[in-house]
Amino acid sequence: MLPAGPKDYLNAALITLGCTLFLMTGSVKSRHASSDSSVFGLMLMLGYLGFDGFTSTFQDKLFKVRVRCCACSPLAPRRATNRRCRTLANCL
């Protein structure tokens, strides 16, 4: 995995800023939304971003370990990561 450079940090900052502006400015409620749905939506988005970041970094690490120690299918690490993510999600 390559180290993150300034371009990567700028990209992450701009995405975070865009998501924050979307949630915090203007009305984003639907006709059927309750009053506390924006907090719930923010929690869902943060959870998604956390799991997404965990999945990609874990898959990279797992793939590097698997390639060094044994010959396996390129899909094996992804399947293992998906199983672990499902287990973690079911525990929450």
C-alpha atoms as a PDB file:
ATOM      1  CA  MET A   1       0.000   0.000   0.000  1.00  0.00           C
ATOM      2  CA  LEU A   2       1.376   3.376  -0.937  1.00  0.00           C
ATOM      3  CA  PRO A   3       1.678   6.046   1.730  1.00  0.00           C
ATOM      4  CA  ALA A   4      -0.962   8.751   1.581  1.00  0.00           C
ATOM      5  CA  GLY A   5       0.238  11.923  -0.047  1.00  0.00           C
ATOM      6  CA  PRO A   6      -1.022  15.499   0.102  1.00  0.00           C
ATOM      7  CA  LYS A   7      -3.415  14.857  -2.777  1.00  0.00           C
ATOM      8  CA  ASP A   8      -5.088  12.033  -0.831  1.00  0.00           C
ATOM      9  CA  TYR A   9      -5.514  14.184   2.268  1.00  0.00           C
ATOM     10  CA  LEU A  10      -6.935  17.043   0.196  1.00  0.00           C
ATOM     11  CA  ASN A  11      -9.379  14.660  -1.466  1.00  0.00           C
ATOM     12  CA  ALA A  12     -10.523  13.284   1.905  1.00  0.00           C
ATOM     13  CA  ALA A  13     -10.916  16.800   3.325  1.00  0.00           C
ATOM     14  CA  LEU A  14     -13.008  17.941   0.349  1.00  0.00           C
ATOM     15  CA  ILE A  15     -15.290  14.900   0.577  1.00  0.00           C
ATOM     16  CA  THR A  16     -15.751  15.467   4.316  1.00  0.00           C
ATOM     17  CA  LEU A  17     -16.469  19.143   3.748  1.00  0.00           C
ATOM     18  CA  GLY A  18     -19.001  18.342   1.028  1.00  0.00           C
ATOM     19  CA  CYS A  19     -20.842  15.829   3.214  1.00  0.00           C
ATOM     20  CA  THR A  20     -20.871  18.255   6.128  1.00  0.00           C
ATOM     21  CA  LEU A  21     -22.204  21.104   4.011  1.00  0.00           C
ATOM     22  CA  PHE A  22     -24.882  18.856   2.555  1.00  0.00           C
ATOM     23  CA  LEU A  23     -26.132  17.829   5.995  1.00  0.00           C
ATOM     24  CA  MET A  24     -25.774  21.131   7.820  1.00  0.00           C
ATOM     25  CA  THR A  25     -27.106  23.618   5.271  1.00  0.00           C
ATOM     26  CA  GLY A  26     -30.552  23.745   3.823  1.00  0.00           C
ATOM     27  CA  SER A  27     -33.457  21.453   4.368  1.00  0.00           C
ATOM     28  CA  VAL A  28     -32.812  17.823   3.521  1.00  0.00           C
ATOM     29  CA  LYS A  29     -35.978  16.412   5.078  1.00  0.00           C
ATOM     30  CA  SER A  30     -38.507  14.424   3.177  1.00  0.00           C
ATOM     31  CA  ARG A  31     -42.231  14.779   3.747  1.00  0.00           C
ATOM     32  CA  HIS A  32     -42.230  11.578   5.770  1.00  0.00           C
ATOM     33  CA  ALA A  33     -39.170  12.244   7.929  1.00  0.00           C
ATOM     34  CA  SER A  34     -39.337  12.619  11.674  1.00  0.00           C
ATOM     35  CA  SER A  35     -37.608  15.456  13.497  1.00  0.00           C
ATOM     36  CA  ASP A  36     -34.587  13.401  14.583  1.00  0.00           C
ATOM     37  CA  SER A  37     -33.870  11.782  11.208  1.00  0.00           C
ATOM     38  CA  SER A  38     -30.897  14.052  10.406  1.00  0.00           C
ATOM     39  CA  VAL A  39     -28.985  12.785  13.451  1.00  0.00           C
ATOM     40  CA  PHE A  40     -29.808   9.211  12.458  1.00  0.00           C
ATOM     41  CA  GLY A  41     -28.672   9.938   8.888  1.00  0.00           C
ATOM     42  CA  LEU A  42     -25.408  11.411  10.119  1.00  0.00           C
ATOM     43  CA  MET A  43     -24.789   8.326  12.260  1.00  0.00           C
ATOM     44  CA  LEU A  44     -25.492   6.066   9.276  1.00  0.00           C
ATOM     45  CA  MET A  45     -23.114   8.029   7.064  1.00  0.00           C
ATOM     46  CA  LEU A  46     -20.325   7.970   9.667  1.00  0.00           C
ATOM     47  CA  GLY A  47     -20.850   4.247  10.158  1.00  0.00           C
ATOM     48  CA  TYR A  48     -20.675   3.665   6.420  1.00  0.00           C
ATOM     49  CA  LEU A  49     -17.472   5.686   6.080  1.00  0.00           C
ATOM     50  CA  GLY A  50     -15.904   3.832   9.001  1.00  0.00           C
ATOM     51  CA  PHE A  51     -16.767   0.388   7.669  1.00  0.00           C
ATOM     52  CA  ASP A  52     -15.712   1.365   4.153  1.00  0.00           C
ATOM     53  CA  GLY A  53     -12.317   2.538   5.369  1.00  0.00           C
ATOM     54  CA  PHE A  54     -11.899  -0.558   7.536  1.00  0.00           C
ATOM     55  CA  THR A  55     -12.784  -2.916   4.683  1.00  0.00           C
ATOM     56  CA  SER A  56     -10.359  -1.540   2.102  1.00  0.00           C
ATOM     57  CA  THR A  57      -7.381  -1.290   4.456  1.00  0.00           C
ATOM     58  CA  PHE A  58      -8.055  -4.706   5.962  1.00  0.00           C
ATOM     59  CA  GLN A  59      -8.317  -6.273   2.504  1.00  0.00           C
ATOM     60  CA  ASP A  60      -4.993  -4.745   1.479  1.00  0.00           C
ATOM     61  CA  LYS A  61      -3.252  -6.053   4.595  1.00  0.00           C
ATOM     62  CA  LEU A  62      -4.859  -9.473   4.329  1.00  0.00           C
ATOM     63  CA  PHE A  63      -3.982  -9.824   0.655  1.00  0.00           C
ATOM     64  CA  LYS A  64      -0.323  -8.976   1.304  1.00  0.00           C
ATOM     65  CA  VAL A  65      -0.083 -11.551   4.090  1.00  0.00           C
ATOM     66  CA  ARG A  66      -1.851 -14.242   2.059  1.00  0.00           C
ATOM     67  CA  VAL A  67       0.308 -13.676  -1.028  1.00  0.00           C
ATOM     68  CA  ARG A  68       3.508 -14.010   1.032  1.00  0.00           C
ATOM     69  CA  CYS A  69       2.566 -17.170   2.889  1.00  0.00           C
ATOM     70  CA  CYS A  70       0.612 -19.238   0.395  1.00  0.00           C
ATOM     71  CA  ALA A  71      -0.705 -19.333  -3.133  1.00  0.00           C
ATOM     72  CA  CYS A  72      -4.401 -18.537  -3.078  1.00  0.00           C
ATOM     73  CA  SER A  73      -7.089 -17.066  -5.243  1.00  0.00           C
ATOM     74  CA  PRO A  74      -7.178 -13.256  -5.425  1.00  0.00           C
ATOM     75  CA  LEU A  75     -10.782 -13.427  -4.213  1.00  0.00           C
ATOM     76  CA  ALA A  76     -10.001 -15.384  -1.025  1.00  0.00           C
ATOM     77  CA  PRO A  77      -8.930 -12.324   1.013  1.00  0.00           C
ATOM     78  CA  ARG A  78     -12.013 -10.417  -0.082  1.00  0.00           C
ATOM     79  CA  ARG A  79     -14.279 -13.280   0.973  1.00  0.00           C
ATOM     80  CA  ALA A  80     -12.551 -13.474   4.351  1.00  0.00           C
ATOM     81  CA  THR A  81     -12.930  -9.727   4.857  1.00  0.00           C
ATOM     82  CA  ASN A  82     -16.585  -9.831   3.893  1.00  0.00           C
ATOM     83  CA  ARG A  83     -17.196 -12.626   6.414  1.00  0.00           C
ATOM     84  CA  ARG A  84     -15.504 -10.640   9.163  1.00  0.00           C
ATOM     85  CA  CYS A  85     -17.409  -7.470   8.281  1.00  0.00           C
ATOM     86  CA  ARG A  86     -20.722  -9.358   8.325  1.00  0.00           C
ATOM     87  CA  THR A  87     -19.860 -10.805  11.731  1.00  0.00           C
ATOM     88  CA  LEU A  88     -18.934  -7.380  13.082  1.00  0.00           C
ATOM     89  CA  ALA A  89     -22.096  -5.814  11.660  1.00  0.00           C
ATOM     90  CA  ASN A  90     -24.263  -8.560  13.179  1.00  0.00           C
ATOM     91  CA  CYS A  91     -22.697  -7.924  16.587  1.00  0.00           C
ATOM     92  CA  LEU A  92     -23.698  -4.274  16.461  1.00  0.00           C
END
